[in-house]
Amino acid sequence: MEWIPAPFSLLDGNPFQYSDHAISTLSATETFNRGIQIRDADLCVICGLAEPPALRYCHIIPKVEHDTWQNLKDRGFVPAMAKSVEHEARNGIRLCATHHSLFDAYYFYIRWFPEVVF
């Protein structure tokens, strides 16, 4: 059977439960990594490569795009309680070294089709 990543939607509430207290950058980074690891397991979400030392935690929206992240929050595509662009696990995926390089070089991108019910 071929491996297929589990479906994931930003509209599905908060699968990465956070407390309301402020946390340090180190623990926020650990929370980012752990949230992705729980969701994506030890597999590249593109090819299914299962080599944890070769897997990388990748940001979908680059860490420097704070304005883009805020715009998505303001429009309701990112939950209001979501952490910053660099610490939110919903903004990350696990990729092997090859796919991470290709993703960062814009050889492919992630397209999200929200199913919004008004």
PDB file of N, CA and C in Angstrom:
ATOM      1  N   MET A   1       0.841  -1.183   0.000  1.00  0.00           N
ATOM      2  CA  MET A   1       0.000   0.000   0.000  1.00  0.00           C
ATOM      3  C   MET A   1       0.885   1.245   0.000  1.00  0.00           C
ATOM      4  N   GLU A   2       0.546   2.206  -0.841  1.00  0.00           N
ATOM      5  CA  GLU A   2       1.307   3.435  -0.943  1.00  0.00           C
ATOM      6  C   GLU A   2       0.972   4.374   0.203  1.00  0.00           C
ATOM      7  N   TRP A   3       1.997   5.023   0.759  1.00  0.00           N
ATOM      8  CA  TRP A   3       1.805   5.959   1.860  1.00  0.00           C
ATOM      9  C   TRP A   3       1.219   7.262   1.347  1.00  0.00           C
ATOM     10  N   ILE A   4       0.202   7.771   2.043  1.00  0.00           N
ATOM     11  CA  ILE A   4      -0.435   9.047   1.700  1.00  0.00           C
ATOM     12  C   ILE A   4      -0.504   9.866   2.983  1.00  0.00           C
ATOM     13  N   PRO A   5      -0.088  11.143   2.936  1.00  0.00           N
ATOM     14  CA  PRO A   5      -0.162  11.968   4.147  1.00  0.00           C
ATOM     15  C   PRO A   5      -1.600  12.129   4.618  1.00  0.00           C
ATOM     16  N   ALA A   6      -1.753  12.255   5.919  1.00  0.00           N
ATOM     17  CA  ALA A   6      -3.085  12.460   6.490  1.00  0.00           C
ATOM     18  C   ALA A   6      -3.593  13.840   6.105  1.00  0.00           C
ATOM     19  N   PRO A   7      -4.906  13.979   5.846  1.00  0.00           N
ATOM     20  CA  PRO A   7      -5.453  15.303   5.534  1.00  0.00           C
ATOM     21  C   PRO A   7      -5.275  16.237   6.723  1.00  0.00           C
ATOM     22  N   PHE A   8      -5.124  17.501   6.433  1.00  0.00           N
ATOM     23  CA  PHE A   8      -4.911  18.484   7.482  1.00  0.00           C
ATOM     24  C   PHE A   8      -5.526  19.798   7.061  1.00  0.00           C
ATOM     25  N   SER A   9      -6.238  20.429   7.952  1.00  0.00           N
ATOM     26  CA  SER A   9      -6.907  21.679   7.619  1.00  0.00           C
ATOM     27  C   SER A   9      -6.738  22.680   8.741  1.00  0.00           C
ATOM     28  N   LEU A  10      -6.430  23.920   8.394  1.00  0.00           N
ATOM     29  CA  LEU A  10      -6.364  24.976   9.401  1.00  0.00           C
ATOM     30  C   LEU A  10      -7.731  25.269   9.998  1.00  0.00           C
ATOM     31  N   LEU A  11      -8.781  24.846   9.326  1.00  0.00           N
ATOM     32  CA  LEU A  11     -10.133  25.125   9.818  1.00  0.00           C
ATOM     33  C   LEU A  11     -10.617  24.093  10.827  1.00  0.00           C
ATOM     34  N   ASP A  12      -9.813  23.061  11.093  1.00  0.00           N
ATOM     35  CA  ASP A  12     -10.217  21.983  11.988  1.00  0.00           C
ATOM     36  C   ASP A  12      -9.966  22.297  13.454  1.00  0.00           C
ATOM     37  N   GLY A  13     -10.004  23.529  13.844  1.00  0.00           N
ATOM     38  CA  GLY A  13      -9.782  23.878  15.236  1.00  0.00           C
ATOM     39  C   GLY A  13      -8.305  23.969  15.549  1.00  0.00           C
ATOM     40  N   ASN A  14      -7.924  23.523  16.711  1.00  0.00           N
ATOM     41  CA  ASN A  14      -6.542  23.643  17.174  1.00  0.00           C
ATOM     42  C   ASN A  14      -5.991  22.273  17.551  1.00  0.00           C
ATOM     43  N   PRO A  15      -5.495  21.486  16.565  1.00  0.00           N
ATOM     44  CA  PRO A  15      -4.955  20.176  16.900  1.00  0.00           C
ATOM     45  C   PRO A  15      -3.678  20.273  17.719  1.00  0.00           C
ATOM     46  N   PHE A  16      -3.035  21.435  17.729  1.00  0.00           N
ATOM     47  CA  PHE A  16      -1.831  21.654  18.511  1.00  0.00           C
ATOM     48  C   PHE A  16      -2.227  22.526  19.694  1.00  0.00           C
ATOM     49  N   GLN A  17      -2.590  21.918  20.791  1.00  0.00           N
ATOM     50  CA  GLN A  17      -3.110  22.652  21.936  1.00  0.00           C
ATOM     51  C   GLN A  17      -1.996  23.425  22.630  1.00  0.00           C
ATOM     52  N   TYR A  18      -2.206  24.723  22.819  1.00  0.00           N
ATOM     53  CA  TYR A  18      -1.263  25.576  23.512  1.00  0.00           C
ATOM     54  C   TYR A  18      -1.942  26.144  24.743  1.00  0.00           C
ATOM     55  N   SER A  19      -1.151  26.360  25.773  1.00  0.00           N
ATOM     56  CA  SER A  19      -1.688  27.073  26.925  1.00  0.00           C
ATOM     57  C   SER A  19      -1.654  28.566  26.595  1.00  0.00           C
ATOM     58  N   ASP A  20      -2.284  29.368  27.432  1.00  0.00           N
ATOM     59  CA  ASP A  20      -2.346  30.804  27.189  1.00  0.00           C
ATOM     60  C   ASP A  20      -1.126  31.560  27.716  1.00  0.00           C
ATOM     61  N   HIS A  21      -0.232  30.876  28.438  1.00  0.00           N
ATOM     62  CA  HIS A  21       0.913  31.587  29.012  1.00  0.00           C
ATOM     63  C   HIS A  21       2.009  31.820  27.976  1.00  0.00           C
ATOM     64  N   ALA A  22       2.788  32.871  28.197  1.00  0.00           N
ATOM     65  CA  ALA A  22       3.903  33.165  27.301  1.00  0.00           C
ATOM     66  C   ALA A  22       4.976  32.106  27.473  1.00  0.00           C
ATOM     67  N   ILE A  23       5.618  31.748  26.374  1.00  0.00           N
ATOM     68  CA  ILE A  23       6.681  30.748  26.442  1.00  0.00           C
ATOM     69  C   ILE A  23       7.927  31.296  25.758  1.00  0.00           C
ATOM     70  N   SER A  24       9.053  30.734  26.117  1.00  0.00           N
ATOM     71  CA  SER A  24      10.308  31.219  25.546  1.00  0.00           C
ATOM     72  C   SER A  24      10.425  30.790  24.093  1.00  0.00           C
ATOM     73  N   THR A  25      11.353  31.413  23.381  1.00  0.00           N
ATOM     74  CA  THR A  25      11.585  31.060  21.984  1.00  0.00           C
ATOM     75  C   THR A  25      12.004  29.611  21.866  1.00  0.00           C
ATOM     76  N   LEU A  26      12.861  29.132  22.775  1.00  0.00           N
ATOM     77  CA  LEU A  26      13.322  27.748  22.715  1.00  0.00           C
ATOM     78  C   LEU A  26      12.152  26.792  22.850  1.00  0.00           C
ATOM     79  N   SER A  27      11.295  26.996  23.852  1.00  0.00           N
ATOM     80  CA  SER A  27      10.180  26.071  24.026  1.00  0.00           C
ATOM     81  C   SER A  27       9.159  26.224  22.901  1.00  0.00           C
ATOM     82  N   ALA A  28       9.032  27.427  22.317  1.00  0.00           N
ATOM     83  CA  ALA A  28       8.130  27.609  21.185  1.00  0.00           C
ATOM     84  C   ALA A  28       8.639  26.826  19.981  1.00  0.00           C
ATOM     85  N   THR A  29       9.954  26.829  19.775  1.00  0.00           N
ATOM     86  CA  THR A  29      10.545  26.056  18.679  1.00  0.00           C
ATOM     87  C   THR A  29      10.350  24.574  18.922  1.00  0.00           C
ATOM     88  N   GLU A  30      10.523  24.126  20.150  1.00  0.00           N
ATOM     89  CA  GLU A  30      10.305  22.721  20.486  1.00  0.00           C
ATOM     90  C   GLU A  30       8.846  22.342  20.265  1.00  0.00           C
ATOM     91  N   THR A  31       7.921  23.240  20.608  1.00  0.00           N
ATOM     92  CA  THR A  31       6.500  22.989  20.393  1.00  0.00           C
ATOM     93  C   THR A  31       6.198  22.901  18.902  1.00  0.00           C
ATOM     94  N   PHE A  32       6.807  23.787  18.105  1.00  0.00           N
ATOM     95  CA  PHE A  32       6.668  23.754  16.645  1.00  0.00           C
ATOM     96  C   PHE A  32       7.111  22.393  16.116  1.00  0.00           C
ATOM     97  N   ASN A  33       8.315  21.982  16.476  1.00  0.00           N
ATOM     98  CA  ASN A  33       8.848  20.707  16.000  1.00  0.00           C
ATOM     99  C   ASN A  33       8.011  19.525  16.476  1.00  0.00           C
ATOM    100  N   ARG A  34       7.620  19.510  17.739  1.00  0.00           N
ATOM    101  CA  ARG A  34       6.855  18.391  18.285  1.00  0.00           C
ATOM    102  C   ARG A  34       5.470  18.300  17.645  1.00  0.00           C
ATOM    103  N   GLY A  35       4.812  19.436  17.419  1.00  0.00           N
ATOM    104  CA  GLY A  35       3.504  19.425  16.780  1.00  0.00           C
ATOM    105  C   GLY A  35       3.557  18.834  15.383  1.00  0.00           C
ATOM    106  N   ILE A  36       4.591  19.188  14.646  1.00  0.00           N
ATOM    107  CA  ILE A  36       4.752  18.641  13.299  1.00  0.00           C
ATOM    108  C   ILE A  36       5.093  17.163  13.355  1.00  0.00           C
ATOM    109  N   GLN A  37       5.958  16.784  14.292  1.00  0.00           N
ATOM    110  CA  GLN A  37       6.355  15.375  14.410  1.00  0.00           C
ATOM    111  C   GLN A  37       5.157  14.489  14.736  1.00  0.00           C
ATOM    112  N   ILE A  38       4.278  14.961  15.600  1.00  0.00           N
ATOM    113  CA  ILE A  38       3.078  14.187  15.946  1.00  0.00           C
ATOM    114  C   ILE A  38       2.195  14.011  14.713  1.00  0.00           C
ATOM    115  N   ARG A  39       1.984  15.088  13.971  1.00  0.00           N
ATOM    116  CA  ARG A  39       1.106  15.040  12.808  1.00  0.00           C
ATOM    117  C   ARG A  39       1.722  14.283  11.635  1.00  0.00           C
ATOM    118  N   ASP A  40       2.977  14.574  11.301  1.00  0.00           N
ATOM    119  CA  ASP A  40       3.601  14.010  10.101  1.00  0.00           C
ATOM    120  C   ASP A  40       4.381  12.734  10.369  1.00  0.00           C
ATOM    121  N   ALA A  41       4.491  12.338  11.632  1.00  0.00           N
ATOM    122  CA  ALA A  41       5.278  11.165  12.020  1.00  0.00           C
ATOM    123  C   ALA A  41       6.725  11.362  11.578  1.00  0.00           C
ATOM    124  N   ASP A  42       7.419  10.304  11.319  1.00  0.00           N
ATOM    125  CA  ASP A  42       8.807  10.391  10.873  1.00  0.00           C
ATOM    126  C   ASP A  42       8.885  10.116   9.385  1.00  0.00           C
ATOM    127  N   LEU A  43       8.112  10.888   8.621  1.00  0.00           N
ATOM    128  CA  LEU A  43       8.039  10.690   7.174  1.00  0.00           C
ATOM    129  C   LEU A  43       8.072  12.031   6.453  1.00  0.00           C
ATOM    130  N   CYS A  44       8.709  12.062   5.290  1.00  0.00           N
ATOM    131  CA  CYS A  44       8.616  13.227   4.409  1.00  0.00           C
ATOM    132  C   CYS A  44       7.192  13.225   3.848  1.00  0.00           C
ATOM    133  N   VAL A  45       6.473  14.349   3.937  1.00  0.00           N
ATOM    134  CA  VAL A  45       5.084  14.384   3.475  1.00  0.00           C
ATOM    135  C   VAL A  45       4.960  14.329   1.959  1.00  0.00           C
ATOM    136  N   ILE A  46       6.066  14.457   1.236  1.00  0.00           N
ATOM    137  CA  ILE A  46       6.039  14.371  -0.223  1.00  0.00           C
ATOM    138  C   ILE A  46       6.320  12.954  -0.699  1.00  0.00           C
ATOM    139  N   CYS A  47       7.430  12.382  -0.257  1.00  0.00           N
ATOM    140  CA  CYS A  47       7.842  11.074  -0.786  1.00  0.00           C
ATOM    141  C   CYS A  47       7.666   9.930   0.198  1.00  0.00           C
ATOM    142  N   GLY A  48       7.412  10.218   1.477  1.00  0.00           N
ATOM    143  CA  GLY A  48       7.244   9.162   2.465  1.00  0.00           C
ATOM    144  C   GLY A  48       8.549   8.612   2.999  1.00  0.00           C
ATOM    145  N   LEU A  49       9.682   9.243   2.683  1.00  0.00           N
ATOM    146  CA  LEU A  49      10.974   8.803   3.193  1.00  0.00           C
ATOM    147  C   LEU A  49      10.923   8.766   4.707  1.00  0.00           C
ATOM    148  N   ALA A  50      11.344   7.664   5.267  1.00  0.00           N
ATOM    149  CA  ALA A  50      11.279   7.484   6.718  1.00  0.00           C
ATOM    150  C   ALA A  50      12.679   7.394   7.305  1.00  0.00           C
ATOM    151  N   GLU A  51      13.404   8.483   7.235  1.00  0.00           N
ATOM    152  CA  GLU A  51      14.741   8.543   7.825  1.00  0.00           C
ATOM    153  C   GLU A  51      14.812   9.791   8.697  1.00  0.00           C
ATOM    154  N   PRO A  52      14.412   9.667   9.987  1.00  0.00           N
ATOM    155  CA  PRO A  52      14.355  10.846  10.852  1.00  0.00           C
ATOM    156  C   PRO A  52      15.594  11.728  10.856  1.00  0.00           C
ATOM    157  N   PRO A  53      16.821  11.217  10.817  1.00  0.00           N
ATOM    158  CA  PRO A  53      17.942  12.165  10.818  1.00  0.00           C
ATOM    159  C   PRO A  53      17.985  13.024   9.555  1.00  0.00           C
ATOM    160  N   ALA A  54      17.430  12.515   8.454  1.00  0.00           N
ATOM    161  CA  ALA A  54      17.460  13.260   7.187  1.00  0.00           C
ATOM    162  C   ALA A  54      16.246  14.170   7.024  1.00  0.00           C
ATOM    163  N   LEU A  55      15.270  14.075   7.911  1.00  0.00           N
ATOM    164  CA  LEU A  55      14.059  14.887   7.798  1.00  0.00           C
ATOM    165  C   LEU A  55      14.276  16.257   8.425  1.00  0.00           C
ATOM    166  N   ARG A  56      13.618  17.247   7.854  1.00  0.00           N
ATOM    167  CA  ARG A  56      13.745  18.621   8.335  1.00  0.00           C
ATOM    168  C   ARG A  56      12.369  19.203   8.617  1.00  0.00           C
ATOM    169  N   TYR A  57      12.325  20.070   9.585  1.00  0.00           N
ATOM    170  CA  TYR A  57      11.116  20.814   9.886  1.00  0.00           C
ATOM    171  C   TYR A  57      11.120  22.057   9.010  1.00  0.00           C
ATOM    172  N   CYS A  58      10.099  22.237   8.198  1.00  0.00           N
ATOM    173  CA  CYS A  58      10.073  23.317   7.215  1.00  0.00           C
ATOM    174  C   CYS A  58       8.868  24.225   7.437  1.00  0.00           C
ATOM    175  N   HIS A  59       9.065  25.501   7.192  1.00  0.00           N
ATOM    176  CA  HIS A  59       7.977  26.477   7.277  1.00  0.00           C
ATOM    177  C   HIS A  59       7.318  26.610   5.902  1.00  0.00           C
ATOM    178  N   ILE A  60       6.005  26.584   5.872  1.00  0.00           N
ATOM    179  CA  ILE A  60       5.258  26.762   4.627  1.00  0.00           C
ATOM    180  C   ILE A  60       5.305  28.234   4.235  1.00  0.00           C
ATOM    181  N   ILE A  61       4.905  29.101   5.150  1.00  0.00           N
ATOM    182  CA  ILE A  61       5.066  30.539   4.961  1.00  0.00           C
ATOM    183  C   ILE A  61       6.392  30.883   5.629  1.00  0.00           C
ATOM    184  N   PRO A  62       7.343  31.453   4.902  1.00  0.00           N
ATOM    185  CA  PRO A  62       8.668  31.722   5.472  1.00  0.00           C
ATOM    186  C   PRO A  62       8.596  32.518   6.775  1.00  0.00           C
ATOM    187  N   LYS A  63       9.545  32.241   7.661  1.00  0.00           N
ATOM    188  CA  LYS A  63       9.585  32.867   8.985  1.00  0.00           C
ATOM    189  C   LYS A  63       9.625  34.384   8.939  1.00  0.00           C
ATOM    190  N   VAL A  64      10.113  34.946   7.861  1.00  0.00           N
ATOM    191  CA  VAL A  64      10.243  36.411   7.777  1.00  0.00           C
ATOM    192  C   VAL A  64       8.973  37.094   7.276  1.00  0.00           C
ATOM    193  N   GLU A  65       7.980  36.338   6.880  1.00  0.00           N
ATOM    194  CA  GLU A  65       6.763  36.927   6.305  1.00  0.00           C
ATOM    195  C   GLU A  65       5.686  37.146   7.365  1.00  0.00           C
ATOM    196  N   HIS A  66       6.004  38.001   8.328  1.00  0.00           N
ATOM    197  CA  HIS A  66       5.067  38.304   9.411  1.00  0.00           C
ATOM    198  C   HIS A  66       3.806  38.991   8.889  1.00  0.00           C
ATOM    199  N   ASP A  67       3.938  39.860   7.889  1.00  0.00           N
ATOM    200  CA  ASP A  67       2.775  40.563   7.331  1.00  0.00           C
ATOM    201  C   ASP A  67       1.822  39.600   6.635  1.00  0.00           C
ATOM    202  N   THR A  68       2.374  38.643   5.888  1.00  0.00           N
ATOM    203  CA  THR A  68       1.532  37.631   5.223  1.00  0.00           C
ATOM    204  C   THR A  68       0.771  36.826   6.262  1.00  0.00           C
ATOM    205  N   TRP A  69       1.470  36.419   7.322  1.00  0.00           N
ATOM    206  CA  TRP A  69       0.853  35.635   8.397  1.00  0.00           C
ATOM    207  C   TRP A  69      -0.274  36.422   9.064  1.00  0.00           C
ATOM    208  N   GLN A  70      -0.010  37.689   9.367  1.00  0.00           N
ATOM    209  CA  GLN A  70      -1.027  38.519  10.012  1.00  0.00           C
ATOM    210  C   GLN A  70      -2.226  38.718   9.091  1.00  0.00           C
ATOM    211  N   ASN A  71      -1.978  38.893   7.805  1.00  0.00           N
ATOM    212  CA  ASN A  71      -3.059  39.033   6.832  1.00  0.00           C
ATOM    213  C   ASN A  71      -3.940  37.782   6.830  1.00  0.00           C
ATOM    214  N   LEU A  72      -3.324  36.613   6.858  1.00  0.00           N
ATOM    215  CA  LEU A  72      -4.096  35.365   6.893  1.00  0.00           C
ATOM    216  C   LEU A  72      -4.898  35.252   8.185  1.00  0.00           C
ATOM    217  N   LYS A  73      -4.327  35.697   9.293  1.00  0.00           N
ATOM    218  CA  LYS A  73      -5.068  35.698  10.560  1.00  0.00           C
ATOM    219  C   LYS A  73      -6.247  36.665  10.486  1.00  0.00           C
ATOM    220  N   ASP A  74      -5.998  37.868   9.968  1.00  0.00           N
ATOM    221  CA  ASP A  74      -7.052  38.879   9.871  1.00  0.00           C
ATOM    222  C   ASP A  74      -8.209  38.408   8.994  1.00  0.00           C
ATOM    223  N   ARG A  75      -7.926  37.614   7.983  1.00  0.00           N
ATOM    224  CA  ARG A  75      -8.949  37.116   7.056  1.00  0.00           C
ATOM    225  C   ARG A  75      -9.594  35.816   7.529  1.00  0.00           C
ATOM    226  N   GLY A  76      -9.122  35.275   8.661  1.00  0.00           N
ATOM    227  CA  GLY A  76      -9.728  34.073   9.223  1.00  0.00           C
ATOM    228  C   GLY A  76      -9.175  32.761   8.685  1.00  0.00           C
ATOM    229  N   PHE A  77      -8.119  32.801   7.881  1.00  0.00           N
ATOM    230  CA  PHE A  77      -7.531  31.567   7.367  1.00  0.00           C
ATOM    231  C   PHE A  77      -6.601  30.914   8.382  1.00  0.00           C
ATOM    232  N   VAL A  78      -6.092  31.699   9.309  1.00  0.00           N
ATOM    233  CA  VAL A  78      -5.271  31.202  10.407  1.00  0.00           C
ATOM    234  C   VAL A  78      -6.017  31.562  11.686  1.00  0.00           C
ATOM    235  N   PRO A  79      -6.204  30.603  12.596  1.00  0.00           N
ATOM    236  CA  PRO A  79      -6.942  30.898  13.832  1.00  0.00           C
ATOM    237  C   PRO A  79      -6.315  32.051  14.613  1.00  0.00           C
ATOM    238  N   ALA A  80      -7.153  32.857  15.243  1.00  0.00           N
ATOM    239  CA  ALA A  80      -6.689  34.032  15.983  1.00  0.00           C
ATOM    240  C   ALA A  80      -5.710  33.655  17.085  1.00  0.00           C
ATOM    241  N   MET A  81      -5.872  32.473  17.698  1.00  0.00           N
ATOM    242  CA  MET A  81      -4.995  32.078  18.793  1.00  0.00           C
ATOM    243  C   MET A  81      -3.690  31.448  18.317  1.00  0.00           C
ATOM    244  N   ALA A  82      -3.477  31.369  17.005  1.00  0.00           N
ATOM    245  CA  ALA A  82      -2.257  30.761  16.468  1.00  0.00           C
ATOM    246  C   ALA A  82      -1.029  31.566  16.875  1.00  0.00           C
ATOM    247  N   LYS A  83       0.060  30.855  17.079  1.00  0.00           N
ATOM    248  CA  LYS A  83       1.327  31.489  17.438  1.00  0.00           C
ATOM    249  C   LYS A  83       1.881  32.261  16.236  1.00  0.00           C
ATOM    250  N   SER A  84       3.089  32.763  16.370  1.00  0.00           N
ATOM    251  CA  SER A  84       3.719  33.527  15.300  1.00  0.00           C
ATOM    252  C   SER A  84       4.025  32.635  14.103  1.00  0.00           C
ATOM    253  N   VAL A  85       4.315  33.257  12.984  1.00  0.00           N
ATOM    254  CA  VAL A  85       4.609  32.538  11.738  1.00  0.00           C
ATOM    255  C   VAL A  85       5.755  31.546  11.932  1.00  0.00           C
ATOM    256  N   GLU A  86       6.711  31.865  12.782  1.00  0.00           N
ATOM    257  CA  GLU A  86       7.857  30.979  12.958  1.00  0.00           C
ATOM    258  C   GLU A  86       7.648  29.897  14.002  1.00  0.00           C
ATOM    259  N   HIS A  87       6.627  30.022  14.859  1.00  0.00           N
ATOM    260  CA  HIS A  87       6.432  29.061  15.937  1.00  0.00           C
ATOM    261  C   HIS A  87       5.139  28.254  15.836  1.00  0.00           C
ATOM    262  N   GLU A  88       4.324  28.507  14.840  1.00  0.00           N
ATOM    263  CA  GLU A  88       3.041  27.815  14.691  1.00  0.00           C
ATOM    264  C   GLU A  88       3.228  26.508  13.932  1.00  0.00           C
ATOM    265  N   ALA A  89       2.915  25.405  14.571  1.00  0.00           N
ATOM    266  CA  ALA A  89       3.098  24.088  13.940  1.00  0.00           C
ATOM    267  C   ALA A  89       2.223  23.903  12.708  1.00  0.00           C
ATOM    268  N   ARG A  90       1.089  24.591  12.645  1.00  0.00           N
ATOM    269  CA  ARG A  90       0.252  24.493  11.448  1.00  0.00           C
ATOM    270  C   ARG A  90       0.913  25.131  10.234  1.00  0.00           C
ATOM    271  N   ASN A  91       1.983  25.867  10.450  1.00  0.00           N
ATOM    272  CA  ASN A  91       2.729  26.488   9.367  1.00  0.00           C
ATOM    273  C   ASN A  91       3.970  25.662   9.019  1.00  0.00           C
ATOM    274  N   GLY A  92       3.980  24.416   9.387  1.00  0.00           N
ATOM    275  CA  GLY A  92       5.156  23.596   9.132  1.00  0.00           C
ATOM    276  C   GLY A  92       4.826  22.221   8.596  1.00  0.00           C
ATOM    277  N   ILE A  93       5.815  21.624   7.960  1.00  0.00           N
ATOM    278  CA  ILE A  93       5.735  20.253   7.468  1.00  0.00           C
ATOM    279  C   ILE A  93       7.112  19.624   7.618  1.00  0.00           C
ATOM    280  N   ARG A  94       7.148  18.302   7.564  1.00  0.00           N
ATOM    281  CA  ARG A  94       8.428  17.586   7.563  1.00  0.00           C
ATOM    282  C   ARG A  94       8.744  17.148   6.146  1.00  0.00           C
ATOM    283  N   LEU A  95       9.959  17.466   5.721  1.00  0.00           N
ATOM    284  CA  LEU A  95      10.415  17.100   4.386  1.00  0.00           C
ATOM    285  C   LEU A  95      11.807  16.496   4.466  1.00  0.00           C
ATOM    286  N   CYS A  96      12.104  15.604   3.529  1.00  0.00           N
ATOM    287  CA  CYS A  96      13.470  15.098   3.409  1.00  0.00           C
ATOM    288  C   CYS A  96      14.343  16.241   2.885  1.00  0.00           C
ATOM    289  N   ALA A  97      15.649  16.071   2.962  1.00  0.00           N
ATOM    290  CA  ALA A  97      16.575  17.123   2.541  1.00  0.00           C
ATOM    291  C   ALA A  97      16.343  17.531   1.085  1.00  0.00           C
ATOM    292  N   THR A  98      16.097  16.561   0.219  1.00  0.00           N
ATOM    293  CA  THR A  98      15.881  16.863  -1.200  1.00  0.00           C
ATOM    294  C   THR A  98      14.639  17.710  -1.408  1.00  0.00           C
ATOM    295  N   HIS A  99      13.503  17.292  -0.827  1.00  0.00           N
ATOM    296  CA  HIS A  99      12.258  18.040  -1.025  1.00  0.00           C
ATOM    297  C   HIS A  99      12.286  19.392  -0.306  1.00  0.00           C
ATOM    298  N   HIS A 100      13.006  19.481   0.808  1.00  0.00           N
ATOM    299  CA  HIS A 100      13.132  20.770   1.482  1.00  0.00           C
ATOM    300  C   HIS A 100      13.865  21.758   0.588  1.00  0.00           C
ATOM    301  N   SER A 101      14.952  21.321  -0.032  1.00  0.00           N
ATOM    302  CA  SER A 101      15.691  22.192  -0.951  1.00  0.00           C
ATOM    303  C   SER A 101      14.832  22.620  -2.132  1.00  0.00           C
ATOM    304  N   LEU A 102      14.097  21.678  -2.695  1.00  0.00           N
ATOM    305  CA  LEU A 102      13.235  21.998  -3.837  1.00  0.00           C
ATOM    306  C   LEU A 102      12.104  22.941  -3.439  1.00  0.00           C
ATOM    307  N   PHE A 103      11.530  22.727  -2.265  1.00  0.00           N
ATOM    308  CA  PHE A 103      10.449  23.584  -1.778  1.00  0.00           C
ATOM    309  C   PHE A 103      10.961  25.010  -1.568  1.00  0.00           C
ATOM    310  N   ASP A 104      12.115  25.140  -0.919  1.00  0.00           N
ATOM    311  CA  ASP A 104      12.685  26.471  -0.671  1.00  0.00           C
ATOM    312  C   ASP A 104      13.083  27.180  -1.961  1.00  0.00           C
ATOM    313  N   ALA A 105      13.371  26.418  -3.009  1.00  0.00           N
ATOM    314  CA  ALA A 105      13.753  27.003  -4.299  1.00  0.00           C
ATOM    315  C   ALA A 105      12.528  27.227  -5.199  1.00  0.00           C
ATOM    316  N   TYR A 106      11.319  27.015  -4.661  1.00  0.00           N
ATOM    317  CA  TYR A 106      10.057  27.217  -5.382  1.00  0.00           C
ATOM    318  C   TYR A 106       9.883  26.280  -6.580  1.00  0.00           C
ATOM    319  N   TYR A 107      10.433  25.058  -6.492  1.00  0.00           N
ATOM    320  CA  TYR A 107      10.190  24.072  -7.544  1.00  0.00           C
ATOM    321  C   TYR A 107       8.789  23.471  -7.400  1.00  0.00           C
ATOM    322  N   PHE A 108       8.233  23.575  -6.236  1.00  0.00           N
ATOM    323  CA  PHE A 108       6.842  23.200  -6.016  1.00  0.00           C
ATOM    324  C   PHE A 108       6.323  24.032  -4.851  1.00  0.00           C
ATOM    325  N   TYR A 109       5.014  24.079  -4.706  1.00  0.00           N
ATOM    326  CA  TYR A 109       4.414  24.842  -3.633  1.00  0.00           C
ATOM    327  C   TYR A 109       3.195  24.093  -3.113  1.00  0.00           C
ATOM    328  N   ILE A 110       2.698  24.565  -2.005  1.00  0.00           N
ATOM    329  CA  ILE A 110       1.517  23.971  -1.380  1.00  0.00           C
ATOM    330  C   ILE A 110       0.343  24.880  -1.682  1.00  0.00           C
ATOM    331  N   ARG A 111      -0.696  24.304  -2.200  1.00  0.00           N
ATOM    332  CA  ARG A 111      -1.896  25.074  -2.508  1.00  0.00           C
ATOM    333  C   ARG A 111      -3.002  24.602  -1.579  1.00  0.00           C
ATOM    334  N   TRP A 112      -3.642  25.529  -0.931  1.00  0.00           N
ATOM    335  CA  TRP A 112      -4.669  25.198   0.041  1.00  0.00           C
ATOM    336  C   TRP A 112      -6.020  25.633  -0.498  1.00  0.00           C
ATOM    337  N   PHE A 113      -6.981  24.721  -0.477  1.00  0.00           N
ATOM    338  CA  PHE A 113      -8.339  25.002  -0.915  1.00  0.00           C
ATOM    339  C   PHE A 113      -9.257  24.939   0.315  1.00  0.00           C
ATOM    340  N   PRO A 114      -9.502  26.058   0.960  1.00  0.00           N
ATOM    341  CA  PRO A 114     -10.364  26.024   2.149  1.00  0.00           C
ATOM    342  C   PRO A 114     -11.817  25.778   1.773  1.00  0.00           C
ATOM    343  N   GLU A 115     -12.469  25.038   2.610  1.00  0.00           N
ATOM    344  CA  GLU A 115     -13.908  24.814   2.428  1.00  0.00           C
ATOM    345  C   GLU A 115     -14.607  25.643   3.498  1.00  0.00           C
ATOM    346  N   VAL A 116     -14.924  26.868   3.145  1.00  0.00           N
ATOM    347  CA  VAL A 116     -15.517  27.806   4.088  1.00  0.00           C
ATOM    348  C   VAL A 116     -17.027  27.764   3.966  1.00  0.00           C
ATOM    349  N   VAL A 117     -17.698  27.581   5.066  1.00  0.00           N
ATOM    350  CA  VAL A 117     -19.152  27.561   5.094  1.00  0.00           C
ATOM    351  C   VAL A 117     -19.625  28.834   5.781  1.00  0.00           C
ATOM    352  N   PHE A 118     -20.451  29.617   5.088  1.00  0.00           N
ATOM    353  CA  PHE A 118     -20.964  30.852   5.675  1.00  0.00           C
ATOM    354  C   PHE A 118     -22.380  30.657   6.154  1.00  0.00           C
TER     355      PHE A 118
END
